[in-house]
Amino acid sequence: MSQIITLTTPLSDQDVEQLAVGDTVLVNGVIYTGRDAAHKRLIDLLAANQPLPLDLKGQILFYVGPSPARPGRVIGAAGPTTSYRMDPYAPQLLRQGLKAMIGKGKRSPEVIEAMIAYKAVYLGAIGGAGALISQAIRAAEIIAYEDLGPEAIRRLVVEDLPTIVINDCRGNDLYDIGQRQYARSR
């Protein structure tokens, strides 16, 4: 039975372990943004044994490239990006302590294995709802890679950012479960 859970960052192993596929998670606190160009730079820093521009322990990365903010707003539309583009990088970032990722679409078996190994989850946000999602963002500031424009790493302060657990830390996958349930109902 899915439930509604409110979590505040940074996340602990216990926070992640209580989540199951299908749970609604309202995210509060500080989260960070990052897409493929920023992910590549982070991995390059790790390969060079250099410090990252943010501490990933207990954190959430939101795969988003927000549009420019209108006057009086802290951010523009902030809809999720398709997550598979981050799959080559995600296992290494999970190893650094990342506890959750927010995006849309399926993840690779390697990312799911890394989520099991490092006790992390993948949360889905609704594609096409960027204007609605942006209403949960209370503050936004670029902290790294300003030259990447919308793909720069941002520090966001969020309040009740709505997500759903797609992959839990036990390897369950909501997409697979949904497809099996649909196939049985036909």
N, C-alpha and C. Protein backbone atom coordinates (compact mmCIF):
# COMPACT_ATOMS: atom_id res chain seq x y z
N MET A 1 0.85 -1.18 0.00
CA MET A 1 0.00 0.00 0.00
C MET A 1 0.89 1.24 0.00
N SER A 2 0.73 2.08 -1.01
CA SER A 2 1.56 3.28 -1.07
C SER A 2 1.08 4.29 -0.03
N GLN A 3 2.01 5.15 0.35
CA GLN A 3 1.71 6.14 1.37
C GLN A 3 2.29 7.48 0.97
N ILE A 4 1.92 8.53 1.68
CA ILE A 4 2.48 9.86 1.47
C ILE A 4 3.48 10.11 2.58
N ILE A 5 4.72 10.41 2.18
CA ILE A 5 5.80 10.61 3.14
C ILE A 5 6.43 11.97 2.88
N THR A 6 6.66 12.72 3.93
CA THR A 6 7.36 14.00 3.83
C THR A 6 8.78 13.81 4.32
N LEU A 7 9.75 14.19 3.49
CA LEU A 7 11.16 14.07 3.86
C LEU A 7 11.85 15.42 3.74
N THR A 8 12.80 15.65 4.64
CA THR A 8 13.61 16.86 4.61
C THR A 8 15.07 16.45 4.45
N THR A 9 15.75 17.12 3.54
CA THR A 9 17.17 16.85 3.30
C THR A 9 18.01 17.44 4.41
N PRO A 10 19.20 16.87 4.64
CA PRO A 10 19.79 15.72 3.97
C PRO A 10 19.10 14.41 4.40
N LEU A 11 19.13 13.43 3.49
CA LEU A 11 18.49 12.14 3.74
C LEU A 11 19.47 11.16 4.38
N SER A 12 18.94 10.30 5.22
CA SER A 12 19.73 9.24 5.85
C SER A 12 19.38 7.90 5.22
N ASP A 13 20.14 6.87 5.55
CA ASP A 13 19.79 5.52 5.11
C ASP A 13 18.39 5.16 5.58
N GLN A 14 18.03 5.54 6.82
CA GLN A 14 16.72 5.21 7.36
C GLN A 14 15.61 5.90 6.57
N ASP A 15 15.83 7.13 6.15
CA ASP A 15 14.84 7.83 5.33
C ASP A 15 14.56 7.05 4.05
N VAL A 16 15.63 6.62 3.40
CA VAL A 16 15.52 5.93 2.12
C VAL A 16 14.92 4.53 2.29
N GLU A 17 15.32 3.84 3.35
CA GLU A 17 14.84 2.46 3.58
C GLU A 17 13.33 2.38 3.81
N GLN A 18 12.72 3.45 4.30
CA GLN A 18 11.27 3.43 4.55
C GLN A 18 10.45 3.60 3.27
N LEU A 19 11.09 3.96 2.17
CA LEU A 19 10.37 4.23 0.93
C LEU A 19 10.15 2.97 0.11
N ALA A 20 8.99 2.89 -0.51
CA ALA A 20 8.65 1.78 -1.40
C ALA A 20 8.10 2.34 -2.70
N VAL A 21 8.25 1.58 -3.78
CA VAL A 21 7.73 2.05 -5.06
C VAL A 21 6.27 2.42 -4.92
N GLY A 22 5.90 3.51 -5.57
CA GLY A 22 4.53 4.00 -5.52
C GLY A 22 4.26 4.99 -4.41
N ASP A 23 5.15 5.10 -3.42
CA ASP A 23 4.97 6.09 -2.37
C ASP A 23 5.08 7.50 -2.95
N THR A 24 4.23 8.39 -2.49
CA THR A 24 4.36 9.81 -2.80
C THR A 24 5.32 10.41 -1.78
N VAL A 25 6.31 11.15 -2.27
CA VAL A 25 7.27 11.79 -1.38
C VAL A 25 7.21 13.30 -1.61
N LEU A 26 6.95 14.04 -0.55
CA LEU A 26 7.00 15.49 -0.58
C LEU A 26 8.36 15.89 -0.04
N VAL A 27 9.17 16.48 -0.91
CA VAL A 27 10.56 16.80 -0.57
C VAL A 27 10.65 18.23 -0.05
N ASN A 28 11.37 18.38 1.07
CA ASN A 28 11.60 19.68 1.68
C ASN A 28 13.09 19.87 1.93
N GLY A 29 13.52 21.13 1.95
CA GLY A 29 14.92 21.43 2.26
C GLY A 29 15.69 21.81 1.01
N VAL A 30 16.99 21.54 1.08
CA VAL A 30 17.91 21.89 -0.01
C VAL A 30 18.08 20.68 -0.93
N ILE A 31 17.93 20.91 -2.23
CA ILE A 31 18.27 19.91 -3.23
C ILE A 31 19.13 20.61 -4.29
N TYR A 32 19.75 19.83 -5.15
CA TYR A 32 20.63 20.39 -6.18
C TYR A 32 20.17 19.95 -7.55
N THR A 33 20.45 20.77 -8.55
CA THR A 33 20.12 20.42 -9.92
C THR A 33 21.37 19.96 -10.64
N GLY A 34 21.17 19.19 -11.68
CA GLY A 34 22.30 18.77 -12.51
C GLY A 34 21.80 17.93 -13.67
N ARG A 35 22.34 18.20 -14.83
CA ARG A 35 22.03 17.41 -16.02
C ARG A 35 23.32 16.82 -16.55
N ASP A 36 23.29 16.27 -17.76
CA ASP A 36 24.42 15.49 -18.25
C ASP A 36 25.72 16.27 -18.35
N ALA A 37 25.71 17.52 -18.81
CA ALA A 37 26.96 18.28 -18.92
C ALA A 37 27.59 18.49 -17.54
N ALA A 38 26.78 18.82 -16.55
CA ALA A 38 27.29 19.01 -15.19
C ALA A 38 27.77 17.68 -14.60
N HIS A 39 27.02 16.61 -14.87
CA HIS A 39 27.43 15.28 -14.39
C HIS A 39 28.80 14.91 -14.93
N LYS A 40 29.04 15.16 -16.20
CA LYS A 40 30.33 14.83 -16.79
C LYS A 40 31.45 15.59 -16.08
N ARG A 41 31.21 16.85 -15.79
CA ARG A 41 32.23 17.64 -15.08
C ARG A 41 32.49 17.09 -13.68
N LEU A 42 31.43 16.67 -12.99
CA LEU A 42 31.61 16.10 -11.65
C LEU A 42 32.44 14.81 -11.73
N ILE A 43 32.15 13.97 -12.70
CA ILE A 43 32.88 12.71 -12.85
C ILE A 43 34.33 12.99 -13.22
N ASP A 44 34.57 14.00 -14.06
CA ASP A 44 35.94 14.38 -14.41
C ASP A 44 36.72 14.83 -13.17
N LEU A 45 36.06 15.57 -12.27
CA LEU A 45 36.71 15.98 -11.02
C LEU A 45 37.05 14.78 -10.16
N LEU A 46 36.12 13.84 -10.06
CA LEU A 46 36.39 12.63 -9.28
C LEU A 46 37.57 11.85 -9.87
N ALA A 47 37.60 11.75 -11.20
CA ALA A 47 38.69 11.03 -11.87
C ALA A 47 40.04 11.70 -11.63
N ALA A 48 40.02 13.03 -11.50
CA ALA A 48 41.25 13.78 -11.25
C ALA A 48 41.54 13.91 -9.75
N ASN A 49 40.73 13.24 -8.92
CA ASN A 49 40.90 13.29 -7.46
C ASN A 49 40.78 14.72 -6.93
N GLN A 50 39.89 15.48 -7.53
CA GLN A 50 39.64 16.87 -7.13
C GLN A 50 38.33 16.94 -6.34
N PRO A 51 38.18 17.94 -5.48
CA PRO A 51 36.93 18.07 -4.72
C PRO A 51 35.76 18.50 -5.61
N LEU A 52 34.57 18.03 -5.26
CA LEU A 52 33.36 18.43 -5.97
C LEU A 52 32.89 19.79 -5.47
N PRO A 53 32.13 20.53 -6.26
CA PRO A 53 31.64 21.85 -5.82
C PRO A 53 30.47 21.75 -4.82
N LEU A 54 30.06 20.53 -4.48
CA LEU A 54 29.02 20.32 -3.49
C LEU A 54 29.27 18.98 -2.81
N ASP A 55 28.82 18.86 -1.58
CA ASP A 55 28.93 17.61 -0.84
C ASP A 55 27.66 16.80 -1.14
N LEU A 56 27.82 15.64 -1.75
CA LEU A 56 26.68 14.83 -2.16
C LEU A 56 26.10 13.97 -1.05
N LYS A 57 26.77 13.86 0.09
CA LYS A 57 26.29 12.98 1.15
C LYS A 57 24.89 13.38 1.61
N GLY A 58 23.95 12.44 1.45
CA GLY A 58 22.59 12.65 1.89
C GLY A 58 21.75 13.53 0.99
N GLN A 59 22.28 13.89 -0.16
CA GLN A 59 21.61 14.87 -1.01
C GLN A 59 20.74 14.26 -2.10
N ILE A 60 19.98 15.14 -2.74
CA ILE A 60 19.12 14.81 -3.86
C ILE A 60 19.57 15.64 -5.06
N LEU A 61 19.71 14.99 -6.22
CA LEU A 61 19.96 15.69 -7.47
C LEU A 61 18.68 15.65 -8.30
N PHE A 62 18.23 16.82 -8.72
CA PHE A 62 17.05 16.97 -9.57
C PHE A 62 17.54 17.20 -10.99
N TYR A 63 17.18 16.31 -11.89
CA TYR A 63 17.59 16.42 -13.28
C TYR A 63 16.67 17.42 -13.98
N VAL A 64 17.11 18.67 -14.00
CA VAL A 64 16.29 19.75 -14.53
C VAL A 64 17.19 20.84 -15.10
N GLY A 65 16.71 21.47 -16.14
CA GLY A 65 17.33 22.67 -16.70
C GLY A 65 16.25 23.73 -16.74
N PRO A 66 16.06 24.46 -15.65
CA PRO A 66 14.92 25.38 -15.56
C PRO A 66 14.98 26.51 -16.59
N SER A 67 13.80 27.00 -16.94
CA SER A 67 13.73 28.17 -17.81
C SER A 67 14.02 29.41 -16.97
N PRO A 68 14.32 30.54 -17.63
CA PRO A 68 14.59 31.78 -16.87
C PRO A 68 13.38 32.19 -16.03
N ALA A 69 13.68 32.78 -14.91
CA ALA A 69 12.63 33.24 -14.00
C ALA A 69 11.97 34.50 -14.53
N ARG A 70 10.66 34.56 -14.41
CA ARG A 70 9.93 35.79 -14.71
C ARG A 70 10.16 36.77 -13.57
N PRO A 71 9.95 38.06 -13.79
CA PRO A 71 10.10 39.03 -12.71
C PRO A 71 9.26 38.64 -11.49
N GLY A 72 9.88 38.70 -10.33
CA GLY A 72 9.19 38.36 -9.08
C GLY A 72 9.19 36.88 -8.74
N ARG A 73 9.74 36.04 -9.60
CA ARG A 73 9.80 34.59 -9.36
C ARG A 73 11.25 34.19 -9.10
N VAL A 74 11.46 33.11 -8.34
CA VAL A 74 12.82 32.66 -8.05
C VAL A 74 13.37 31.76 -9.16
N ILE A 75 12.48 31.17 -9.97
CA ILE A 75 12.90 30.25 -11.01
C ILE A 75 11.78 30.17 -12.06
N GLY A 76 12.14 29.76 -13.25
CA GLY A 76 11.13 29.53 -14.27
C GLY A 76 10.59 28.12 -14.16
N ALA A 77 9.99 27.65 -15.24
CA ALA A 77 9.46 26.29 -15.26
C ALA A 77 10.59 25.31 -14.96
N ALA A 78 10.30 24.29 -14.15
CA ALA A 78 11.33 23.36 -13.68
C ALA A 78 10.85 21.92 -13.82
N GLY A 79 10.64 21.52 -15.05
CA GLY A 79 10.20 20.15 -15.31
C GLY A 79 11.37 19.19 -15.38
N PRO A 80 11.15 17.93 -15.05
CA PRO A 80 12.24 16.95 -15.03
C PRO A 80 12.74 16.61 -16.43
N THR A 81 14.02 16.29 -16.49
CA THR A 81 14.67 15.83 -17.71
C THR A 81 14.68 14.30 -17.71
N THR A 82 14.70 13.71 -18.89
CA THR A 82 14.80 12.26 -19.03
C THR A 82 16.10 11.79 -18.39
N SER A 83 15.97 10.84 -17.50
CA SER A 83 17.06 10.47 -16.61
C SER A 83 18.13 9.58 -17.22
N TYR A 84 17.82 8.82 -18.26
CA TYR A 84 18.80 7.86 -18.76
C TYR A 84 20.08 8.53 -19.22
N ARG A 85 20.02 9.83 -19.56
CA ARG A 85 21.24 10.53 -19.98
C ARG A 85 22.25 10.65 -18.83
N MET A 86 21.78 10.52 -17.59
CA MET A 86 22.67 10.60 -16.43
C MET A 86 23.13 9.22 -15.98
N ASP A 87 22.59 8.15 -16.58
CA ASP A 87 22.92 6.79 -16.15
C ASP A 87 24.41 6.46 -16.18
N PRO A 88 25.19 6.93 -17.16
CA PRO A 88 26.62 6.59 -17.13
C PRO A 88 27.35 7.18 -15.91
N TYR A 89 26.80 8.22 -15.32
CA TYR A 89 27.46 8.93 -14.22
C TYR A 89 26.89 8.60 -12.84
N ALA A 90 25.62 8.22 -12.79
CA ALA A 90 24.92 8.07 -11.51
C ALA A 90 25.59 7.11 -10.54
N PRO A 91 26.06 5.91 -10.96
CA PRO A 91 26.66 5.01 -9.96
C PRO A 91 27.83 5.63 -9.20
N GLN A 92 28.66 6.41 -9.89
CA GLN A 92 29.81 7.03 -9.21
C GLN A 92 29.34 8.10 -8.23
N LEU A 93 28.27 8.81 -8.56
CA LEU A 93 27.77 9.84 -7.64
C LEU A 93 27.06 9.20 -6.46
N LEU A 94 26.37 8.09 -6.68
CA LEU A 94 25.76 7.36 -5.58
C LEU A 94 26.84 6.87 -4.61
N ARG A 95 27.97 6.45 -5.14
CA ARG A 95 29.10 6.02 -4.31
C ARG A 95 29.60 7.16 -3.41
N GLN A 96 29.39 8.40 -3.85
CA GLN A 96 29.81 9.57 -3.08
C GLN A 96 28.81 9.95 -1.98
N GLY A 97 27.69 9.22 -1.90
CA GLY A 97 26.73 9.48 -0.84
C GLY A 97 25.41 10.06 -1.30
N LEU A 98 25.23 10.29 -2.60
CA LEU A 98 23.96 10.77 -3.13
C LEU A 98 22.85 9.79 -2.71
N LYS A 99 21.75 10.31 -2.20
CA LYS A 99 20.67 9.44 -1.69
C LYS A 99 19.45 9.38 -2.58
N ALA A 100 19.25 10.37 -3.44
CA ALA A 100 18.08 10.33 -4.32
C ALA A 100 18.33 11.16 -5.57
N MET A 101 17.63 10.77 -6.62
CA MET A 101 17.65 11.48 -7.89
C MET A 101 16.20 11.69 -8.28
N ILE A 102 15.91 12.85 -8.88
CA ILE A 102 14.56 13.16 -9.36
C ILE A 102 14.64 13.37 -10.86
N GLY A 103 13.79 12.68 -11.60
CA GLY A 103 13.76 12.85 -13.05
C GLY A 103 12.52 12.20 -13.61
N LYS A 104 12.62 11.79 -14.89
CA LYS A 104 11.52 11.06 -15.51
C LYS A 104 12.11 9.96 -16.38
N GLY A 105 11.37 8.87 -16.51
CA GLY A 105 11.80 7.75 -17.34
C GLY A 105 12.53 6.68 -16.56
N LYS A 106 12.76 5.54 -17.25
CA LYS A 106 13.41 4.38 -16.63
C LYS A 106 14.90 4.61 -16.40
N ARG A 107 15.44 3.84 -15.45
CA ARG A 107 16.87 3.83 -15.17
C ARG A 107 17.46 2.50 -15.63
N SER A 108 18.77 2.52 -15.86
CA SER A 108 19.46 1.32 -16.34
C SER A 108 19.64 0.31 -15.20
N PRO A 109 19.86 -0.97 -15.55
CA PRO A 109 20.14 -1.96 -14.51
C PRO A 109 21.34 -1.58 -13.64
N GLU A 110 22.35 -0.95 -14.23
CA GLU A 110 23.54 -0.55 -13.45
C GLU A 110 23.20 0.49 -12.40
N VAL A 111 22.33 1.44 -12.75
CA VAL A 111 21.92 2.46 -11.78
C VAL A 111 21.08 1.81 -10.67
N ILE A 112 20.20 0.91 -11.05
CA ILE A 112 19.38 0.23 -10.04
C ILE A 112 20.26 -0.58 -9.09
N GLU A 113 21.26 -1.27 -9.62
CA GLU A 113 22.20 -2.02 -8.77
C GLU A 113 22.93 -1.08 -7.82
N ALA A 114 23.34 0.08 -8.30
CA ALA A 114 24.04 1.05 -7.45
C ALA A 114 23.10 1.59 -6.36
N MET A 115 21.82 1.79 -6.69
CA MET A 115 20.87 2.24 -5.68
C MET A 115 20.72 1.20 -4.56
N ILE A 116 20.74 -0.07 -4.93
CA ILE A 116 20.68 -1.13 -3.92
C ILE A 116 21.95 -1.09 -3.07
N ALA A 117 23.10 -1.03 -3.73
CA ALA A 117 24.39 -1.08 -3.03
C ALA A 117 24.59 0.10 -2.08
N TYR A 118 24.13 1.29 -2.48
CA TYR A 118 24.40 2.50 -1.69
C TYR A 118 23.16 3.06 -1.00
N LYS A 119 22.06 2.29 -0.98
CA LYS A 119 20.82 2.71 -0.32
C LYS A 119 20.36 4.08 -0.81
N ALA A 120 19.89 4.08 -2.04
CA ALA A 120 19.40 5.31 -2.66
C ALA A 120 18.11 5.01 -3.41
N VAL A 121 17.39 6.06 -3.81
CA VAL A 121 16.13 5.91 -4.53
C VAL A 121 16.10 6.84 -5.74
N TYR A 122 15.21 6.48 -6.64
CA TYR A 122 14.93 7.31 -7.80
C TYR A 122 13.49 7.76 -7.69
N LEU A 123 13.30 9.08 -7.70
CA LEU A 123 11.98 9.67 -7.56
C LEU A 123 11.56 10.26 -8.90
N GLY A 124 10.32 10.03 -9.28
CA GLY A 124 9.80 10.59 -10.52
C GLY A 124 9.05 11.87 -10.26
N ALA A 125 9.22 12.82 -11.18
CA ALA A 125 8.41 14.03 -11.20
C ALA A 125 7.66 14.03 -12.53
N ILE A 126 6.56 14.72 -12.59
CA ILE A 126 5.72 14.65 -13.77
C ILE A 126 6.25 15.56 -14.87
N GLY A 127 6.59 14.94 -16.01
CA GLY A 127 7.01 15.71 -17.16
C GLY A 127 5.86 16.57 -17.67
N GLY A 128 6.19 17.76 -18.16
CA GLY A 128 5.17 18.67 -18.66
C GLY A 128 4.53 19.52 -17.58
N ALA A 129 4.94 19.32 -16.33
CA ALA A 129 4.35 20.08 -15.22
C ALA A 129 5.37 21.04 -14.60
N GLY A 130 6.30 21.53 -15.43
CA GLY A 130 7.38 22.38 -14.91
C GLY A 130 6.91 23.65 -14.23
N ALA A 131 5.85 24.27 -14.76
CA ALA A 131 5.35 25.50 -14.12
C ALA A 131 4.77 25.19 -12.75
N LEU A 132 4.07 24.06 -12.64
CA LEU A 132 3.49 23.65 -11.35
C LEU A 132 4.60 23.27 -10.36
N ILE A 133 5.58 22.50 -10.83
CA ILE A 133 6.68 22.08 -9.96
C ILE A 133 7.44 23.30 -9.43
N SER A 134 7.61 24.31 -10.28
CA SER A 134 8.39 25.50 -9.86
C SER A 134 7.75 26.20 -8.67
N GLN A 135 6.46 26.00 -8.45
CA GLN A 135 5.80 26.64 -7.31
C GLN A 135 6.27 26.08 -5.97
N ALA A 136 6.90 24.90 -5.98
CA ALA A 136 7.44 24.32 -4.75
C ALA A 136 8.86 24.81 -4.46
N ILE A 137 9.43 25.57 -5.38
CA ILE A 137 10.82 26.05 -5.23
C ILE A 137 10.79 27.45 -4.62
N ARG A 138 11.38 27.57 -3.43
CA ARG A 138 11.35 28.82 -2.67
C ARG A 138 12.58 29.70 -2.91
N ALA A 139 13.71 29.08 -3.29
CA ALA A 139 14.94 29.84 -3.55
C ALA A 139 15.78 29.04 -4.53
N ALA A 140 16.56 29.76 -5.33
CA ALA A 140 17.44 29.11 -6.31
C ALA A 140 18.68 29.97 -6.51
N GLU A 141 19.84 29.30 -6.50
CA GLU A 141 21.09 30.02 -6.79
C GLU A 141 22.05 29.08 -7.49
N ILE A 142 22.77 29.61 -8.46
CA ILE A 142 23.78 28.82 -9.16
C ILE A 142 24.99 28.68 -8.24
N ILE A 143 25.47 27.42 -8.08
CA ILE A 143 26.65 27.21 -7.23
C ILE A 143 27.86 26.70 -8.03
N ALA A 144 27.63 26.24 -9.28
CA ALA A 144 28.75 25.74 -10.08
C ALA A 144 28.36 25.72 -11.56
N TYR A 145 29.35 25.94 -12.40
CA TYR A 145 29.21 25.79 -13.85
C TYR A 145 28.20 26.75 -14.46
N GLU A 146 28.30 28.03 -14.08
CA GLU A 146 27.38 29.05 -14.60
C GLU A 146 27.41 29.09 -16.13
N ASP A 147 28.56 28.75 -16.71
CA ASP A 147 28.68 28.77 -18.17
C ASP A 147 27.75 27.77 -18.86
N LEU A 148 27.20 26.83 -18.12
CA LEU A 148 26.28 25.85 -18.71
C LEU A 148 24.84 26.37 -18.81
N GLY A 149 24.62 27.60 -18.39
CA GLY A 149 23.28 28.19 -18.49
C GLY A 149 22.26 27.39 -17.71
N PRO A 150 21.19 26.91 -18.37
CA PRO A 150 20.15 26.16 -17.64
C PRO A 150 20.69 24.88 -16.99
N GLU A 151 21.80 24.37 -17.52
CA GLU A 151 22.36 23.12 -16.99
C GLU A 151 23.36 23.34 -15.85
N ALA A 152 23.54 24.58 -15.43
CA ALA A 152 24.42 24.86 -14.29
C ALA A 152 23.88 24.13 -13.06
N ILE A 153 24.77 23.87 -12.11
CA ILE A 153 24.32 23.26 -10.85
C ILE A 153 23.74 24.37 -9.98
N ARG A 154 22.51 24.16 -9.56
CA ARG A 154 21.82 25.11 -8.70
C ARG A 154 21.53 24.48 -7.35
N ARG A 155 21.51 25.31 -6.34
CA ARG A 155 21.06 24.93 -5.01
C ARG A 155 19.64 25.46 -4.90
N LEU A 156 18.69 24.55 -4.72
CA LEU A 156 17.29 24.92 -4.59
C LEU A 156 16.82 24.68 -3.16
N VAL A 157 15.98 25.56 -2.68
CA VAL A 157 15.26 25.31 -1.43
C VAL A 157 13.83 25.01 -1.85
N VAL A 158 13.35 23.81 -1.46
CA VAL A 158 12.02 23.38 -1.89
C VAL A 158 11.11 23.12 -0.69
N GLU A 159 9.82 23.26 -0.94
CA GLU A 159 8.81 22.98 0.08
C GLU A 159 7.72 22.13 -0.55
N ASP A 160 7.61 20.90 -0.04
CA ASP A 160 6.60 19.95 -0.53
C ASP A 160 6.66 19.74 -2.04
N LEU A 161 7.88 19.54 -2.56
CA LEU A 161 8.07 19.20 -3.97
C LEU A 161 7.51 17.80 -4.19
N PRO A 162 6.47 17.66 -5.04
CA PRO A 162 5.81 16.36 -5.18
C PRO A 162 6.58 15.40 -6.10
N THR A 163 6.84 14.20 -5.59
CA THR A 163 7.52 13.16 -6.37
C THR A 163 6.87 11.81 -6.02
N ILE A 164 7.24 10.80 -6.80
CA ILE A 164 6.77 9.44 -6.52
C ILE A 164 7.97 8.51 -6.62
N VAL A 165 8.03 7.49 -5.76
CA VAL A 165 9.15 6.56 -5.78
C VAL A 165 9.00 5.63 -6.99
N ILE A 166 9.95 5.72 -7.91
CA ILE A 166 9.98 4.86 -9.09
C ILE A 166 10.83 3.63 -8.81
N ASN A 167 12.01 3.84 -8.22
CA ASN A 167 12.90 2.73 -7.83
C ASN A 167 13.25 2.90 -6.37
N ASP A 168 12.97 1.86 -5.57
CA ASP A 168 13.35 1.92 -4.15
C ASP A 168 14.73 1.29 -3.97
N CYS A 169 15.22 1.30 -2.74
CA CYS A 169 16.58 0.82 -2.47
C CYS A 169 16.66 -0.71 -2.42
N ARG A 170 15.55 -1.39 -2.70
CA ARG A 170 15.53 -2.86 -2.75
C ARG A 170 15.48 -3.38 -4.18
N GLY A 171 15.55 -2.47 -5.15
CA GLY A 171 15.58 -2.88 -6.55
C GLY A 171 14.23 -2.97 -7.22
N ASN A 172 13.18 -2.60 -6.52
CA ASN A 172 11.84 -2.63 -7.13
C ASN A 172 11.69 -1.47 -8.11
N ASP A 173 10.92 -1.70 -9.17
CA ASP A 173 10.76 -0.73 -10.24
C ASP A 173 9.27 -0.54 -10.53
N LEU A 174 8.76 0.67 -10.29
CA LEU A 174 7.35 0.95 -10.48
C LEU A 174 6.91 0.75 -11.92
N TYR A 175 7.78 1.07 -12.88
CA TYR A 175 7.42 0.87 -14.29
C TYR A 175 7.22 -0.61 -14.58
N ASP A 176 8.11 -1.46 -14.10
CA ASP A 176 7.96 -2.90 -14.33
C ASP A 176 6.70 -3.44 -13.66
N ILE A 177 6.46 -3.01 -12.43
CA ILE A 177 5.27 -3.46 -11.71
C ILE A 177 4.01 -3.04 -12.46
N GLY A 178 3.97 -1.80 -12.93
CA GLY A 178 2.81 -1.31 -13.66
C GLY A 178 2.57 -2.07 -14.95
N GLN A 179 3.65 -2.40 -15.66
CA GLN A 179 3.49 -3.16 -16.91
C GLN A 179 2.97 -4.56 -16.63
N ARG A 180 3.47 -5.20 -15.58
CA ARG A 180 2.98 -6.55 -15.24
C ARG A 180 1.50 -6.50 -14.84
N GLN A 181 1.11 -5.49 -14.05
CA GLN A 181 -0.29 -5.38 -13.65
C GLN A 181 -1.18 -5.14 -14.86
N TYR A 182 -0.72 -4.34 -15.79
CA TYR A 182 -1.51 -4.07 -17.00
C TYR A 182 -1.65 -5.34 -17.84
N ALA A 183 -0.56 -6.07 -17.99
CA ALA A 183 -0.59 -7.31 -18.79
C ALA A 183 -1.56 -8.33 -18.18
N ARG A 184 -1.60 -8.41 -16.84
CA ARG A 184 -2.52 -9.34 -16.17
C ARG A 184 -3.99 -8.93 -16.34
N SER A 185 -4.22 -7.63 -16.45
CA SER A 185 -5.60 -7.15 -16.53
C SER A 185 -6.19 -7.29 -17.94
N ARG A 186 -5.40 -7.64 -18.90
CA ARG A 186 -5.88 -7.74 -20.29
C ARG A 186 -6.35 -9.10 -20.63
